[in-house]
Amino acid sequence: MEIYNLSEHEEKIVSLFKEHDGLTFDELKNYMNLDKPTLREILINMLRKGIIIKVPDFDKGKFVYKVPE
């Protein structure tokens, strides 16, 4: 397993996911002071690195991002 140094934004995102047990893109956007393209790019990079996962949330009817267990 590779070890990554997380950026400030990545650390905040991981912290939010742990606090809320997963958030939709729009919910995360409300917590972060970033524009949509920047946030989307950060999430894509975090998904590629395996830092976060994207799973369906049937209660919300959307996908949520969260930290893998």
PDB file of N, CA and C in Angstrom:
ATOM      1  N   MET A   1       0.845  -1.184   0.000  1.00  0.00           N
ATOM      2  CA  MET A   1       0.000   0.000   0.000  1.00  0.00           C
ATOM      3  C   MET A   1       0.885   1.240   0.000  1.00  0.00           C
ATOM      4  N   GLU A   2       0.573   2.162  -0.871  1.00  0.00           N
ATOM      5  CA  GLU A   2       1.354   3.392  -0.943  1.00  0.00           C
ATOM      6  C   GLU A   2       0.899   4.364   0.134  1.00  0.00           C
ATOM      7  N   ILE A   3       1.845   5.158   0.596  1.00  0.00           N
ATOM      8  CA  ILE A   3       1.545   6.189   1.587  1.00  0.00           C
ATOM      9  C   ILE A   3       1.564   7.529   0.878  1.00  0.00           C
ATOM     10  N   TYR A   4       0.507   8.298   1.084  1.00  0.00           N
ATOM     11  CA  TYR A   4       0.387   9.596   0.431  1.00  0.00           C
ATOM     12  C   TYR A   4       0.397  10.691   1.476  1.00  0.00           C
ATOM     13  N   ASN A   5       1.051  11.797   1.130  1.00  0.00           N
ATOM     14  CA  ASN A   5       0.929  12.997   1.937  1.00  0.00           C
ATOM     15  C   ASN A   5      -0.315  13.722   1.452  1.00  0.00           C
ATOM     16  N   LEU A   6      -1.254  13.925   2.356  1.00  0.00           N
ATOM     17  CA  LEU A   6      -2.502  14.572   1.979  1.00  0.00           C
ATOM     18  C   LEU A   6      -2.339  16.080   1.964  1.00  0.00           C
ATOM     19  N   SER A   7      -2.978  16.703   0.991  1.00  0.00           N
ATOM     20  CA  SER A   7      -2.999  18.163   0.944  1.00  0.00           C
ATOM     21  C   SER A   7      -3.945  18.652   2.041  1.00  0.00           C
ATOM     22  N   GLU A   8      -3.940  19.945   2.251  1.00  0.00           N
ATOM     23  CA  GLU A   8      -4.822  20.547   3.258  1.00  0.00           C
ATOM     24  C   GLU A   8      -6.293  20.244   2.937  1.00  0.00           C
ATOM     25  N   HIS A   9      -6.656  20.372   1.660  1.00  0.00           N
ATOM     26  CA  HIS A   9      -8.036  20.091   1.251  1.00  0.00           C
ATOM     27  C   HIS A   9      -8.383  18.616   1.457  1.00  0.00           C
ATOM     28  N   GLU A  10      -7.456  17.724   1.096  1.00  0.00           N
ATOM     29  CA  GLU A  10      -7.703  16.296   1.264  1.00  0.00           C
ATOM     30  C   GLU A  10      -7.889  15.931   2.733  1.00  0.00           C
ATOM     31  N   GLU A  11      -7.078  16.507   3.596  1.00  0.00           N
ATOM     32  CA  GLU A  11      -7.208  16.251   5.034  1.00  0.00           C
ATOM     33  C   GLU A  11      -8.567  16.704   5.543  1.00  0.00           C
ATOM     34  N   LYS A  12      -9.016  17.876   5.105  1.00  0.00           N
ATOM     35  CA  LYS A  12     -10.314  18.389   5.531  1.00  0.00           C
ATOM     36  C   LYS A  12     -11.439  17.481   5.028  1.00  0.00           C
ATOM     37  N   ILE A  13     -11.335  17.026   3.779  1.00  0.00           N
ATOM     38  CA  ILE A  13     -12.346  16.147   3.206  1.00  0.00           C
ATOM     39  C   ILE A  13     -12.422  14.831   3.983  1.00  0.00           C
ATOM     40  N   VAL A  14     -11.280  14.217   4.259  1.00  0.00           N
ATOM     41  CA  VAL A  14     -11.255  12.967   5.026  1.00  0.00           C
ATOM     42  C   VAL A  14     -11.883  13.185   6.402  1.00  0.00           C
ATOM     43  N   SER A  15     -11.557  14.289   7.035  1.00  0.00           N
ATOM     44  CA  SER A  15     -12.120  14.607   8.343  1.00  0.00           C
ATOM     45  C   SER A  15     -13.641  14.746   8.276  1.00  0.00           C
ATOM     46  N   LEU A  16     -14.135  15.432   7.250  1.00  0.00           N
ATOM     47  CA  LEU A  16     -15.582  15.599   7.080  1.00  0.00           C
ATOM     48  C   LEU A  16     -16.270  14.259   6.849  1.00  0.00           C
ATOM     49  N   PHE A  17     -15.661  13.388   6.045  1.00  0.00           N
ATOM     50  CA  PHE A  17     -16.258  12.086   5.767  1.00  0.00           C
ATOM     51  C   PHE A  17     -16.321  11.236   7.028  1.00  0.00           C
ATOM     52  N   LYS A  18     -15.286  11.303   7.851  1.00  0.00           N
ATOM     53  CA  LYS A  18     -15.286  10.542   9.103  1.00  0.00           C
ATOM     54  C   LYS A  18     -16.346  11.091  10.057  1.00  0.00           C
ATOM     55  N   GLU A  19     -16.494  12.391  10.062  1.00  0.00           N
ATOM     56  CA  GLU A  19     -17.463  13.052  10.942  1.00  0.00           C
ATOM     57  C   GLU A  19     -18.905  12.750  10.521  1.00  0.00           C
ATOM     58  N   HIS A  20     -19.155  12.693   9.225  1.00  0.00           N
ATOM     59  CA  HIS A  20     -20.514  12.546   8.712  1.00  0.00           C
ATOM     60  C   HIS A  20     -20.790  11.181   8.083  1.00  0.00           C
ATOM     61  N   ASP A  21     -19.842  10.276   8.121  1.00  0.00           N
ATOM     62  CA  ASP A  21     -19.993   8.944   7.541  1.00  0.00           C
ATOM     63  C   ASP A  21     -20.456   8.999   6.086  1.00  0.00           C
ATOM     64  N   GLY A  22     -19.821   9.877   5.328  1.00  0.00           N
ATOM     65  CA  GLY A  22     -20.110   9.978   3.901  1.00  0.00           C
ATOM     66  C   GLY A  22     -20.984  11.162   3.569  1.00  0.00           C
ATOM     67  N   LEU A  23     -20.667  11.795   2.443  1.00  0.00           N
ATOM     68  CA  LEU A  23     -21.410  12.972   1.987  1.00  0.00           C
ATOM     69  C   LEU A  23     -21.568  12.918   0.475  1.00  0.00           C
ATOM     70  N   THR A  24     -22.666  13.486  -0.025  1.00  0.00           N
ATOM     71  CA  THR A  24     -22.824  13.640  -1.463  1.00  0.00           C
ATOM     72  C   THR A  24     -21.909  14.774  -1.926  1.00  0.00           C
ATOM     73  N   PHE A  25     -21.751  14.891  -3.235  1.00  0.00           N
ATOM     74  CA  PHE A  25     -20.927  15.973  -3.779  1.00  0.00           C
ATOM     75  C   PHE A  25     -21.463  17.331  -3.335  1.00  0.00           C
ATOM     76  N   ASP A  26     -22.779  17.523  -3.445  1.00  0.00           N
ATOM     77  CA  ASP A  26     -23.373  18.812  -3.081  1.00  0.00           C
ATOM     78  C   ASP A  26     -23.235  19.106  -1.587  1.00  0.00           C
ATOM     79  N   GLU A  27     -23.396  18.072  -0.759  1.00  0.00           N
ATOM     80  CA  GLU A  27     -23.209  18.274   0.686  1.00  0.00           C
ATOM     81  C   GLU A  27     -21.769  18.673   0.988  1.00  0.00           C
ATOM     82  N   LEU A  28     -20.825  17.993   0.340  1.00  0.00           N
ATOM     83  CA  LEU A  28     -19.415  18.319   0.538  1.00  0.00           C
ATOM     84  C   LEU A  28     -19.113  19.733   0.048  1.00  0.00           C
ATOM     85  N   LYS A  29     -19.689  20.101  -1.081  1.00  0.00           N
ATOM     86  CA  LYS A  29     -19.482  21.446  -1.640  1.00  0.00           C
ATOM     87  C   LYS A  29     -19.911  22.515  -0.637  1.00  0.00           C
ATOM     88  N   ASN A  30     -20.971  22.249   0.137  1.00  0.00           N
ATOM     89  CA  ASN A  30     -21.429  23.207   1.137  1.00  0.00           C
ATOM     90  C   ASN A  30     -20.416  23.403   2.268  1.00  0.00           C
ATOM     91  N   TYR A  31     -19.612  22.379   2.565  1.00  0.00           N
ATOM     92  CA  TYR A  31     -18.609  22.476   3.620  1.00  0.00           C
ATOM     93  C   TYR A  31     -17.288  23.065   3.138  1.00  0.00           C
ATOM     94  N   MET A  32     -16.996  22.880   1.861  1.00  0.00           N
ATOM     95  CA  MET A  32     -15.701  23.308   1.317  1.00  0.00           C
ATOM     96  C   MET A  32     -15.847  24.647   0.589  1.00  0.00           C
ATOM     97  N   ASN A  33     -14.846  25.453   0.669  1.00  0.00           N
ATOM     98  CA  ASN A  33     -14.842  26.745  -0.012  1.00  0.00           C
ATOM     99  C   ASN A  33     -14.104  26.609  -1.341  1.00  0.00           C
ATOM    100  N   LEU A  34     -14.640  25.736  -2.218  1.00  0.00           N
ATOM    101  CA  LEU A  34     -14.005  25.462  -3.509  1.00  0.00           C
ATOM    102  C   LEU A  34     -15.057  25.492  -4.603  1.00  0.00           C
ATOM    103  N   ASP A  35     -14.609  25.814  -5.826  1.00  0.00           N
ATOM    104  CA  ASP A  35     -15.547  25.739  -6.944  1.00  0.00           C
ATOM    105  C   ASP A  35     -15.718  24.267  -7.353  1.00  0.00           C
ATOM    106  N   LYS A  36     -16.777  23.985  -8.096  1.00  0.00           N
ATOM    107  CA  LYS A  36     -17.109  22.603  -8.455  1.00  0.00           C
ATOM    108  C   LYS A  36     -15.991  21.882  -9.207  1.00  0.00           C
ATOM    109  N   PRO A  37     -15.389  22.502 -10.249  1.00  0.00           N
ATOM    110  CA  PRO A  37     -14.331  21.782 -10.976  1.00  0.00           C
ATOM    111  C   PRO A  37     -13.133  21.427 -10.089  1.00  0.00           C
ATOM    112  N   THR A  38     -12.757  22.321  -9.194  1.00  0.00           N
ATOM    113  CA  THR A  38     -11.622  22.057  -8.305  1.00  0.00           C
ATOM    114  C   THR A  38     -11.950  20.927  -7.346  1.00  0.00           C
ATOM    115  N   LEU A  39     -13.130  20.972  -6.744  1.00  0.00           N
ATOM    116  CA  LEU A  39     -13.540  19.917  -5.818  1.00  0.00           C
ATOM    117  C   LEU A  39     -13.631  18.583  -6.541  1.00  0.00           C
ATOM    118  N   ARG A  40     -14.193  18.584  -7.732  1.00  0.00           N
ATOM    119  CA  ARG A  40     -14.322  17.350  -8.524  1.00  0.00           C
ATOM    120  C   ARG A  40     -12.935  16.754  -8.806  1.00  0.00           C
ATOM    121  N   GLU A  41     -11.982  17.589  -9.164  1.00  0.00           N
ATOM    122  CA  GLU A  41     -10.616  17.117  -9.447  1.00  0.00           C
ATOM    123  C   GLU A  41      -9.976  16.509  -8.202  1.00  0.00           C
ATOM    124  N   ILE A  42     -10.155  17.151  -7.057  1.00  0.00           N
ATOM    125  CA  ILE A  42      -9.605  16.627  -5.800  1.00  0.00           C
ATOM    126  C   ILE A  42     -10.215  15.263  -5.484  1.00  0.00           C
ATOM    127  N   LEU A  43     -11.541  15.151  -5.630  1.00  0.00           N
ATOM    128  CA  LEU A  43     -12.210  13.879  -5.339  1.00  0.00           C
ATOM    129  C   LEU A  43     -11.756  12.778  -6.287  1.00  0.00           C
ATOM    130  N   ILE A  44     -11.607  13.088  -7.569  1.00  0.00           N
ATOM    131  CA  ILE A  44     -11.144  12.093  -8.539  1.00  0.00           C
ATOM    132  C   ILE A  44      -9.754  11.590  -8.167  1.00  0.00           C
ATOM    133  N   ASN A  45      -8.863  12.498  -7.799  1.00  0.00           N
ATOM    134  CA  ASN A  45      -7.509  12.092  -7.398  1.00  0.00           C
ATOM    135  C   ASN A  45      -7.540  11.237  -6.135  1.00  0.00           C
ATOM    136  N   MET A  46      -8.408  11.584  -5.193  1.00  0.00           N
ATOM    137  CA  MET A  46      -8.515  10.805  -3.957  1.00  0.00           C
ATOM    138  C   MET A  46      -9.093   9.417  -4.239  1.00  0.00           C
ATOM    139  N   LEU A  47     -10.040   9.324  -5.170  1.00  0.00           N
ATOM    140  CA  LEU A  47     -10.586   8.025  -5.566  1.00  0.00           C
ATOM    141  C   LEU A  47      -9.509   7.162  -6.209  1.00  0.00           C
ATOM    142  N   ARG A  48      -8.723   7.751  -7.086  1.00  0.00           N
ATOM    143  CA  ARG A  48      -7.651   7.009  -7.774  1.00  0.00           C
ATOM    144  C   ARG A  48      -6.618   6.471  -6.788  1.00  0.00           C
ATOM    145  N   LYS A  49      -6.334   7.250  -5.756  1.00  0.00           N
ATOM    146  CA  LYS A  49      -5.353   6.845  -4.748  1.00  0.00           C
ATOM    147  C   LYS A  49      -5.933   5.850  -3.750  1.00  0.00           C
ATOM    148  N   GLY A  50      -7.249   5.673  -3.747  1.00  0.00           N
ATOM    149  CA  GLY A  50      -7.884   4.759  -2.807  1.00  0.00           C
ATOM    150  C   GLY A  50      -8.106   5.358  -1.428  1.00  0.00           C
ATOM    151  N   ILE A  51      -7.983   6.673  -1.314  1.00  0.00           N
ATOM    152  CA  ILE A  51      -8.164   7.354  -0.028  1.00  0.00           C
ATOM    153  C   ILE A  51      -9.641   7.391   0.344  1.00  0.00           C
ATOM    154  N   ILE A  52     -10.494   7.529  -0.664  1.00  0.00           N
ATOM    155  CA  ILE A  52     -11.938   7.545  -0.459  1.00  0.00           C
ATOM    156  C   ILE A  52     -12.595   6.585  -1.447  1.00  0.00           C
ATOM    157  N   ILE A  53     -13.856   6.269  -1.188  1.00  0.00           N
ATOM    158  CA  ILE A  53     -14.640   5.444  -2.101  1.00  0.00           C
ATOM    159  C   ILE A  53     -15.953   6.161  -2.400  1.00  0.00           C
ATOM    160  N   LYS A  54     -16.612   5.734  -3.463  1.00  0.00           N
ATOM    161  CA  LYS A  54     -17.907   6.296  -3.863  1.00  0.00           C
ATOM    162  C   LYS A  54     -18.900   5.138  -3.874  1.00  0.00           C
ATOM    163  N   VAL A  55     -19.941   5.256  -3.041  1.00  0.00           N
ATOM    164  CA  VAL A  55     -20.914   4.169  -2.906  1.00  0.00           C
ATOM    165  C   VAL A  55     -22.335   4.715  -2.991  1.00  0.00           C
ATOM    166  N   PRO A  56     -23.292   3.890  -3.406  1.00  0.00           N
ATOM    167  CA  PRO A  56     -24.680   4.365  -3.462  1.00  0.00           C
ATOM    168  C   PRO A  56     -25.270   4.499  -2.065  1.00  0.00           C
ATOM    169  N   ASP A  57     -26.049   5.536  -1.857  1.00  0.00           N
ATOM    170  CA  ASP A  57     -26.810   5.722  -0.628  1.00  0.00           C
ATOM    171  C   ASP A  57     -28.277   5.689  -1.045  1.00  0.00           C
ATOM    172  N   PHE A  58     -28.941   4.581  -0.777  1.00  0.00           N
ATOM    173  CA  PHE A  58     -30.298   4.388  -1.260  1.00  0.00           C
ATOM    174  C   PHE A  58     -31.308   5.295  -0.547  1.00  0.00           C
ATOM    175  N   ASP A  59     -30.999   5.704   0.684  1.00  0.00           N
ATOM    176  CA  ASP A  59     -31.887   6.628   1.395  1.00  0.00           C
ATOM    177  C   ASP A  59     -31.895   8.002   0.733  1.00  0.00           C
ATOM    178  N   LYS A  60     -30.713   8.451   0.306  1.00  0.00           N
ATOM    179  CA  LYS A  60     -30.598   9.764  -0.341  1.00  0.00           C
ATOM    180  C   LYS A  60     -30.884   9.683  -1.833  1.00  0.00           C
ATOM    181  N   GLY A  61     -30.779   8.480  -2.391  1.00  0.00           N
ATOM    182  CA  GLY A  61     -30.974   8.310  -3.822  1.00  0.00           C
ATOM    183  C   GLY A  61     -29.819   8.869  -4.633  1.00  0.00           C
ATOM    184  N   LYS A  62     -28.646   8.932  -4.020  1.00  0.00           N
ATOM    185  CA  LYS A  62     -27.454   9.472  -4.683  1.00  0.00           C
ATOM    186  C   LYS A  62     -26.236   8.674  -4.234  1.00  0.00           C
ATOM    187  N   PHE A  63     -25.128   8.921  -4.917  1.00  0.00           N
ATOM    188  CA  PHE A  63     -23.863   8.353  -4.474  1.00  0.00           C
ATOM    189  C   PHE A  63     -23.270   9.252  -3.395  1.00  0.00           C
ATOM    190  N   VAL A  64     -22.574   8.630  -2.446  1.00  0.00           N
ATOM    191  CA  VAL A  64     -21.866   9.393  -1.422  1.00  0.00           C
ATOM    192  C   VAL A  64     -20.390   8.989  -1.462  1.00  0.00           C
ATOM    193  N   TYR A  65     -19.568   9.912  -1.062  1.00  0.00           N
ATOM    194  CA  TYR A  65     -18.134   9.667  -0.912  1.00  0.00           C
ATOM    195  C   TYR A  65     -17.894   9.405   0.555  1.00  0.00           C
ATOM    196  N   LYS A  66     -16.991   8.459   0.838  1.00  0.00           N
ATOM    197  CA  LYS A  66     -16.666   8.171   2.224  1.00  0.00           C
ATOM    198  C   LYS A  66     -15.292   7.545   2.300  1.00  0.00           C
ATOM    199  N   VAL A  67     -14.781   7.432   3.524  1.00  0.00           N
ATOM    200  CA  VAL A  67     -13.498   6.798   3.781  1.00  0.00           C
ATOM    201  C   VAL A  67     -13.761   5.285   3.876  1.00  0.00           C
ATOM    202  N   PRO A  68     -12.963   4.464   3.189  1.00  0.00           N
ATOM    203  CA  PRO A  68     -13.192   3.009   3.271  1.00  0.00           C
ATOM    204  C   PRO A  68     -12.961   2.511   4.696  1.00  0.00           C
ATOM    205  N   GLU A  69     -13.721   1.491   5.048  1.00  0.00           N
ATOM    206  CA  GLU A  69     -13.613   0.937   6.407  1.00  0.00           C
ATOM    207  C   GLU A  69     -12.493  -0.065   6.500  1.00  0.00           C
TER     208      GLU A  69
END
